[in-house]
Amino acid sequence: MLSITNLNKSFGKLEVLQGININIVKQGIFAILGPNGSGKTTLIKTILGLVIPDFGSITINDKEIINRWAYRSEISYLPQIANFPSNLTVIEIINLIKNIRPNTKLDKDLIDLFNIKESMNKKLVDLSGGTKQKVNIVLTFMSDSPIIILDEPTAGLDPISLIKLKDLLIREKEKGKTIIVTSHIMSFIEEISHDIFFLLDGKIFFNGTIEDLKVRTNESTLERAIANLLK
């Protein structure tokens, strides 16, 4: 479904991505992990067409996507920091997204799930960080897209909302969707994901299952296994 071949990107003399190869041929939840500055967000932005690589190939369903745009209608994206006009209300933002994306609908179940009904007529500037993140999650999942990309989706979430997000991701996976997640919360990744791509200094340092990594590092948890990789 998603294939990345020999992807490279530099900003001046800084080599951010170096020979990245990723092949996702099935539905499921896949984690892109790595320390700060490892290239995770840049990699995601190349998939979205927000960053153009220096060379390499990215295909979705065997179709090259670099320098194209129509494929984006098949992707829902939650950025690490979503910047919407702060003077707009939540319902105005929802209606804006609905107008931009024809396959988007206002899902009452999502609004109830993340308990944002009372915030619908509030301006974004008046919302707490956690409530803004819940609004961003609702905006992301309103579109019934086959590919979902989430960059640090747990930021600012309280424990109850975090559980609800986990349950939502599992349900979307069971619908046959491909979900790509980045997070620094290893316990979250361990609960929802099976396969990981670990980036270090712009290169794929490990590609495989969480269990494979635990065996390789002789550790009992993903957090300890990642720490072992970084030694």
Protein backbone atom coordinates (compact mmCIF):
# COMPACT_ATOMS: atom_id res chain seq x y z
CA MET A 1 0.00 0.00 0.00
CA LEU A 2 2.77 2.46 0.97
CA SER A 3 6.27 2.06 -0.38
CA ILE A 4 9.20 4.42 0.23
CA THR A 5 12.42 3.74 -1.66
CA ASN A 6 15.84 5.37 -1.11
CA LEU A 7 14.31 8.59 0.17
CA ASN A 8 16.75 11.41 0.87
CA LYS A 9 16.24 14.96 2.08
CA SER A 10 18.73 17.62 3.15
CA PHE A 11 18.26 21.16 4.39
CA GLY A 12 21.47 22.87 3.42
CA LYS A 13 24.31 20.74 4.81
CA LEU A 14 22.00 18.94 7.26
CA GLU A 15 21.08 15.47 5.98
CA VAL A 16 17.68 14.83 7.57
CA LEU A 17 16.69 11.65 5.71
CA GLN A 18 19.28 9.25 4.31
CA GLY A 19 18.27 6.29 2.16
CA ILE A 20 14.92 5.62 3.85
CA ASN A 21 13.21 2.39 2.75
CA ILE A 22 9.78 1.49 4.13
CA ASN A 23 7.30 -1.01 2.73
CA ILE A 24 3.83 -1.30 4.22
CA VAL A 25 1.80 -3.91 2.36
CA LYS A 26 -1.01 -4.55 4.83
CA GLN A 27 -3.47 -2.70 7.01
CA GLY A 28 -2.65 -2.09 10.65
CA ILE A 29 -1.03 0.39 13.03
CA PHE A 30 2.61 1.20 12.30
CA ALA A 31 4.81 3.34 14.53
CA ILE A 32 7.60 5.63 13.38
CA LEU A 33 9.87 6.13 16.38
CA GLY A 34 13.10 7.91 17.14
CA PRO A 35 14.65 10.61 19.30
CA ASN A 36 14.13 14.31 18.62
CA GLY A 37 15.83 15.32 15.39
CA SER A 38 15.83 11.80 13.95
CA GLY A 39 13.73 12.81 10.92
CA LYS A 40 10.28 11.51 11.91
CA THR A 41 8.28 14.64 11.15
CA THR A 42 10.19 15.32 7.93
CA LEU A 43 9.46 11.76 6.79
CA ILE A 44 5.76 12.23 7.48
CA LYS A 45 5.76 15.54 5.63
CA THR A 46 7.30 13.92 2.54
CA ILE A 47 4.44 11.39 2.52
CA LEU A 48 1.97 14.28 2.74
CA GLY A 49 3.72 16.26 0.02
CA LEU A 50 4.55 19.10 2.41
CA VAL A 51 8.28 18.47 1.93
CA ILE A 52 9.70 17.49 -1.46
CA PRO A 53 12.59 14.98 -1.14
CA ASP A 54 15.87 15.50 -2.95
CA PHE A 55 15.52 12.08 -4.52
CA GLY A 56 13.81 8.75 -3.94
CA SER A 57 10.33 7.39 -4.54
CA ILE A 58 7.06 7.26 -2.59
CA THR A 59 4.17 5.22 -3.93
CA ILE A 60 0.68 4.60 -2.58
CA ASN A 61 -1.13 1.66 -4.16
CA ASP A 62 1.71 1.46 -6.73
CA LYS A 63 1.24 5.07 -7.86
CA GLU A 64 4.02 7.62 -7.48
CA ILE A 65 2.88 10.55 -5.34
CA ILE A 66 5.83 12.94 -5.37
CA ASN A 67 4.82 16.26 -6.96
CA ARG A 68 1.19 15.12 -7.12
CA TRP A 69 -1.73 16.12 -4.92
CA ALA A 70 -4.93 14.15 -5.64
CA TYR A 71 -3.86 11.25 -3.38
CA ARG A 72 -4.11 13.50 -0.30
CA SER A 73 -7.89 13.00 -0.29
CA GLU A 74 -7.14 9.43 0.83
CA ILE A 75 -5.19 10.57 3.92
CA SER A 76 -6.31 12.02 7.26
CA TYR A 77 -3.54 13.83 9.13
CA LEU A 78 -3.13 14.97 12.72
CA PRO A 79 -0.10 17.29 12.93
CA GLN A 80 2.01 17.58 16.04
CA ILE A 81 0.90 21.21 16.32
CA ALA A 82 -2.34 22.13 14.54
CA ASN A 83 -2.54 25.86 13.90
CA PHE A 84 -6.05 27.02 13.11
CA PRO A 85 -7.25 30.65 13.34
CA SER A 86 -7.74 31.15 17.07
CA ASN A 87 -10.74 33.46 16.63
CA LEU A 88 -12.85 30.69 15.07
CA THR A 89 -15.16 28.52 17.14
CA VAL A 90 -14.96 24.74 17.19
CA ILE A 91 -18.10 24.36 15.05
CA GLU A 92 -16.73 26.88 12.55
CA ILE A 93 -13.52 24.85 12.22
CA ILE A 94 -15.53 21.66 11.78
CA ASN A 95 -17.65 23.27 9.04
CA LEU A 96 -14.49 24.61 7.37
CA ILE A 97 -13.01 21.11 7.17
CA LYS A 98 -16.31 19.71 5.91
CA ASN A 99 -16.31 22.26 3.07
CA ILE A 100 -12.71 21.46 2.14
CA ARG A 101 -13.10 17.68 2.27
CA PRO A 102 -16.32 16.36 0.63
CA ASN A 103 -16.08 12.94 2.35
CA THR A 104 -16.18 14.55 5.80
CA LYS A 105 -19.22 14.57 8.04
CA LEU A 106 -19.98 15.80 11.53
CA ASP A 107 -19.87 12.60 13.58
CA LYS A 108 -21.94 12.93 16.75
CA ASP A 109 -20.37 9.76 18.16
CA LEU A 110 -16.89 11.32 17.90
CA ILE A 111 -18.06 14.50 19.59
CA ASP A 112 -19.62 12.48 22.41
CA LEU A 113 -16.59 10.19 22.66
CA PHE A 114 -14.22 13.07 23.36
CA ASN A 115 -16.80 15.12 25.24
CA ILE A 116 -16.43 18.36 23.27
CA LYS A 117 -20.15 19.15 22.85
CA GLU A 118 -20.01 21.98 25.38
CA SER A 119 -17.01 23.49 23.55
CA MET A 120 -18.62 23.65 20.10
CA ASN A 121 -19.41 27.38 20.29
CA LYS A 122 -16.21 28.36 22.06
CA LYS A 123 -13.30 29.98 20.24
CA LEU A 124 -10.11 27.99 19.96
CA VAL A 125 -8.22 30.69 21.84
CA ASP A 126 -10.39 29.99 24.89
CA LEU A 127 -9.79 26.23 24.96
CA SER A 128 -7.26 24.38 27.09
CA GLY A 129 -4.44 22.52 25.38
CA GLY A 130 -6.07 19.16 26.08
CA THR A 131 -9.43 20.25 24.67
CA LYS A 132 -7.74 21.61 21.54
CA GLN A 133 -6.08 18.24 21.04
CA LYS A 134 -9.43 16.45 21.39
CA VAL A 135 -10.91 18.81 18.79
CA ASN A 136 -7.97 18.06 16.47
CA ILE A 137 -8.54 14.31 16.89
CA VAL A 138 -12.22 14.73 16.03
CA LEU A 139 -11.28 16.75 12.94
CA THR A 140 -8.87 14.02 11.86
CA PHE A 141 -11.28 11.13 12.21
CA MET A 142 -14.30 12.89 10.65
CA SER A 143 -12.98 11.88 7.24
CA ASP A 144 -13.36 8.21 6.38
CA SER A 145 -9.86 7.94 4.91
CA PRO A 146 -8.06 4.62 4.26
CA ILE A 147 -4.75 6.08 5.52
CA ILE A 148 -4.45 7.95 8.82
CA ILE A 149 -1.24 9.68 9.94
CA LEU A 150 -0.94 10.88 13.54
CA ASP A 151 2.05 12.91 14.72
CA GLU A 152 2.22 12.80 18.55
CA PRO A 153 -1.55 12.32 19.02
CA THR A 154 -1.34 11.86 22.81
CA ALA A 155 -0.02 15.38 23.51
CA GLY A 156 -2.09 17.05 26.23
CA LEU A 157 -4.60 14.23 26.62
CA ASP A 158 -5.87 13.23 30.04
CA PRO A 159 -5.84 9.49 30.95
CA ILE A 160 -9.51 8.95 30.04
CA SER A 161 -9.13 10.61 26.63
CA LEU A 162 -5.98 8.58 26.03
CA ILE A 163 -7.91 5.34 26.60
CA LYS A 164 -10.63 6.56 24.23
CA LEU A 165 -8.00 7.34 21.58
CA LYS A 166 -6.54 3.84 21.91
CA ASP A 167 -9.98 2.27 21.51
CA LEU A 168 -10.70 4.49 18.48
CA LEU A 169 -7.43 3.48 16.80
CA ILE A 170 -8.15 -0.21 17.33
CA ARG A 171 -11.63 0.20 15.81
CA GLU A 172 -10.23 2.03 12.79
CA LYS A 173 -7.60 -0.68 12.33
CA GLU A 174 -10.33 -3.32 12.39
CA LYS A 175 -12.04 -1.46 9.53
CA GLY A 176 -8.99 -2.27 7.41
CA LYS A 177 -7.25 1.08 7.59
CA THR A 178 -3.53 1.83 7.56
CA ILE A 179 -2.53 4.00 10.51
CA ILE A 180 0.91 5.55 10.96
CA VAL A 181 1.72 6.99 14.39
CA THR A 182 4.64 8.82 15.95
CA SER A 183 4.90 9.14 19.72
CA HIS A 184 7.41 9.43 22.53
CA ILE A 185 5.07 7.44 24.80
CA MET A 186 6.35 3.90 24.39
CA SER A 187 3.62 2.32 26.52
CA PHE A 188 1.04 3.82 24.14
CA ILE A 189 2.85 2.44 21.09
CA GLU A 190 3.25 -0.97 22.71
CA GLU A 191 -0.50 -1.20 23.31
CA ILE A 192 -1.68 -0.23 19.84
CA SER A 193 1.06 -1.17 17.39
CA HIS A 194 2.73 -4.32 16.09
CA ASP A 195 5.37 -3.06 13.65
CA ILE A 196 7.80 -0.20 14.18
CA PHE A 197 10.30 1.79 12.14
CA PHE A 198 12.99 3.28 14.37
CA LEU A 199 14.86 6.27 12.94
CA LEU A 200 18.23 7.44 14.14
CA ASP A 201 20.17 10.29 12.52
CA GLY A 202 17.92 10.17 9.47
CA LYS A 203 18.32 6.43 8.83
CA ILE A 204 16.18 3.38 9.54
CA PHE A 205 17.99 1.80 12.47
CA PHE A 206 15.40 -0.94 13.08
CA ASN A 207 12.44 -2.22 11.08
CA GLY A 208 10.34 -5.04 12.48
CA THR A 209 7.89 -6.08 15.13
CA ILE A 210 7.98 -4.94 18.73
CA GLU A 211 8.50 -8.54 19.83
CA ASP A 212 11.45 -8.91 17.46
CA LEU A 213 13.05 -5.83 19.00
CA LYS A 214 12.52 -7.14 22.53
CA VAL A 215 14.18 -10.41 21.58
CA ARG A 216 17.06 -8.61 19.84
CA THR A 217 17.74 -6.39 22.88
CA ASN A 218 16.78 -9.00 25.51
CA GLU A 219 14.40 -6.52 27.14
CA SER A 220 10.87 -7.01 28.46
CA THR A 221 9.31 -3.69 27.40
CA LEU A 222 9.47 -1.50 24.31
CA GLU A 223 10.71 1.43 26.37
CA ARG A 224 13.69 -0.54 27.65
CA ALA A 225 14.31 -2.05 24.22
CA ILE A 226 14.48 1.43 22.64
CA ALA A 227 16.80 2.62 25.40
CA ASN A 228 19.02 -0.39 24.69
CA LEU A 229 19.17 0.57 20.99
CA LEU A 230 20.37 4.04 21.90
CA LYS A 231 23.28 2.88 24.06
